[in-house]
Amino acid sequence: MKKYFIQKSPFVVPTTDGKLIEEHHGVTTNNKEISIAHMIAPPGWSEPFQTPEFDEYTYIIKGKKQFIIEDEIVVLETGQSIKIEKNTRIQYSNPFEEPCEYLAICQPAFTIESVHREE
């Protein structure tokens, strides 16, 4: 029995906002401990505020991404990363003119039930 798993076909999460989400590991691979996703947020993209039940790490591969953490605006650029602790109110967006490519790692794994997006 192999003690490793190579992800060759990540789950592409259906979206309606133009954002690409490829989940490599997480709930779709029966892993509730951690999720790892490759994402590309198009220019002008944003999502509602949320208060997740998981820690989230973001690494910017290319471009810039804006975070509103509680009441503070933080902008990350290529090569930078951030850890946002669980139960923190946050909004993610890309108000810039270029796409933002990044990795998102959630621990425990992201679920729609545990992200608590505001309507």
Protein backbone atom coordinates (compact mmCIF):
# COMPACT_ATOMS: atom_id res chain seq x y z
CA MET A 1 0.00 0.00 0.00
CA LYS A 2 1.35 3.41 -0.98
CA LYS A 3 2.00 5.94 1.74
CA TYR A 4 1.43 8.90 -0.55
CA PHE A 5 -1.18 10.34 -2.90
CA ILE A 6 -0.37 12.46 -5.94
CA GLN A 7 -3.20 14.79 -6.87
CA LYS A 8 -3.41 14.86 -10.66
CA SER A 9 -6.93 16.16 -11.07
CA PRO A 10 -7.95 18.70 -8.42
CA PHE A 11 -11.63 19.40 -7.86
CA VAL A 12 -12.64 22.59 -9.66
CA VAL A 13 -15.18 24.31 -7.43
CA PRO A 14 -18.07 25.77 -9.44
CA THR A 15 -18.22 29.57 -9.12
CA THR A 16 -20.34 32.36 -10.57
CA ASP A 17 -17.88 35.22 -9.98
CA GLY A 18 -15.09 34.30 -12.42
CA LYS A 19 -12.75 33.00 -9.70
CA LEU A 20 -10.87 29.76 -10.36
CA ILE A 21 -10.73 27.44 -7.35
CA GLU A 22 -8.85 24.14 -7.69
CA GLU A 23 -8.97 22.14 -4.45
CA HIS A 24 -5.98 19.79 -4.40
CA HIS A 25 -6.53 18.41 -0.91
CA GLY A 26 -9.42 18.84 1.49
CA VAL A 27 -12.98 17.66 1.87
CA THR A 28 -13.02 16.45 -1.76
CA THR A 29 -10.14 14.07 -0.95
CA ASN A 30 -11.69 13.03 2.39
CA ASN A 31 -9.26 15.17 4.36
CA LYS A 32 -10.97 17.16 7.11
CA GLU A 33 -7.68 18.25 8.73
CA ILE A 34 -6.40 20.60 6.00
CA SER A 35 -7.35 21.96 2.61
CA ILE A 36 -4.99 23.25 -0.05
CA ALA A 37 -6.36 25.17 -3.02
CA HIS A 38 -4.86 26.97 -6.00
CA MET A 39 -6.87 30.07 -6.90
CA ILE A 40 -6.98 32.86 -9.44
CA ALA A 41 -9.10 35.89 -8.54
CA PRO A 42 -9.96 38.07 -11.55
CA PRO A 43 -9.63 41.87 -11.47
CA GLY A 44 -12.54 43.46 -9.60
CA TRP A 45 -13.42 40.25 -7.73
CA SER A 46 -14.65 40.30 -4.13
CA GLU A 47 -16.64 38.11 -1.78
CA PRO A 48 -18.75 38.86 1.29
CA PHE A 49 -17.30 39.22 4.76
CA GLN A 50 -16.90 35.93 6.61
CA THR A 51 -15.84 34.66 10.03
CA PRO A 52 -14.36 31.19 9.43
CA GLU A 53 -13.90 28.42 11.99
CA PHE A 54 -10.44 27.64 10.53
CA ASP A 55 -7.02 29.25 10.32
CA GLU A 56 -6.27 30.37 6.77
CA TYR A 57 -2.85 30.82 5.22
CA THR A 58 -2.52 32.65 1.89
CA TYR A 59 0.59 32.77 -0.32
CA ILE A 60 0.56 35.19 -3.27
CA ILE A 61 2.08 33.61 -6.40
CA LYS A 62 1.37 36.53 -8.72
CA GLY A 63 -0.44 39.86 -8.42
CA LYS A 64 -1.98 41.51 -5.36
CA LYS A 65 -4.85 40.63 -3.03
CA GLN A 66 -6.70 42.86 -0.57
CA PHE A 67 -7.80 41.70 2.87
CA ILE A 68 -10.07 43.63 5.23
CA ILE A 69 -9.25 42.04 8.59
CA GLU A 70 -11.69 43.28 11.23
CA ASP A 71 -11.39 47.01 10.29
CA GLU A 72 -7.86 47.04 8.85
CA ILE A 73 -7.03 46.97 5.13
CA VAL A 74 -4.00 44.81 4.27
CA VAL A 75 -2.62 44.31 0.74
CA LEU A 76 -0.35 41.36 -0.06
CA GLU A 77 1.87 41.25 -3.14
CA THR A 78 3.77 38.56 -5.05
CA GLY A 79 5.94 36.45 -2.74
CA GLN A 80 4.20 37.50 0.49
CA SER A 81 2.06 35.34 2.77
CA ILE A 82 -0.27 35.76 5.72
CA LYS A 83 -1.91 33.67 8.42
CA ILE A 84 -5.36 34.74 9.58
CA GLU A 85 -6.58 33.13 12.78
CA LYS A 86 -9.94 31.39 12.98
CA ASN A 87 -12.94 33.36 14.20
CA THR A 88 -11.59 36.57 12.60
CA ARG A 89 -14.00 38.66 10.51
CA ILE A 90 -12.47 39.10 7.07
CA GLN A 91 -13.23 40.05 3.50
CA TYR A 92 -11.11 39.01 0.52
CA SER A 93 -10.99 40.95 -2.75
CA ASN A 94 -8.94 41.85 -5.81
CA PRO A 95 -9.74 45.52 -6.58
CA PHE A 96 -6.65 45.70 -8.80
CA GLU A 97 -6.26 45.60 -12.60
CA GLU A 98 -4.39 42.27 -12.80
CA PRO A 99 -5.53 38.77 -11.80
CA CYS A 100 -4.24 37.48 -8.45
CA GLU A 101 -2.92 33.91 -8.34
CA TYR A 102 -2.47 32.40 -4.90
CA LEU A 103 -2.51 29.33 -2.68
CA ALA A 104 -4.94 29.07 0.21
CA ILE A 105 -4.41 26.57 3.02
CA CYS A 106 -7.14 26.11 5.63
CA GLN A 107 -6.77 24.18 8.87
CA PRO A 108 -9.02 22.39 9.56
CA ALA A 109 -10.24 22.01 5.98
CA PHE A 110 -12.53 24.58 4.37
CA THR A 111 -16.22 23.74 4.29
CA ILE A 112 -19.10 25.96 3.21
CA GLU A 113 -20.68 25.32 6.64
CA SER A 114 -17.61 26.51 8.58
CA VAL A 115 -16.81 29.69 6.60
CA HIS A 116 -19.86 31.67 7.84
CA ARG A 117 -20.18 34.09 4.90
CA GLU A 118 -22.39 37.10 5.49
CA GLU A 119 -25.23 37.75 3.04
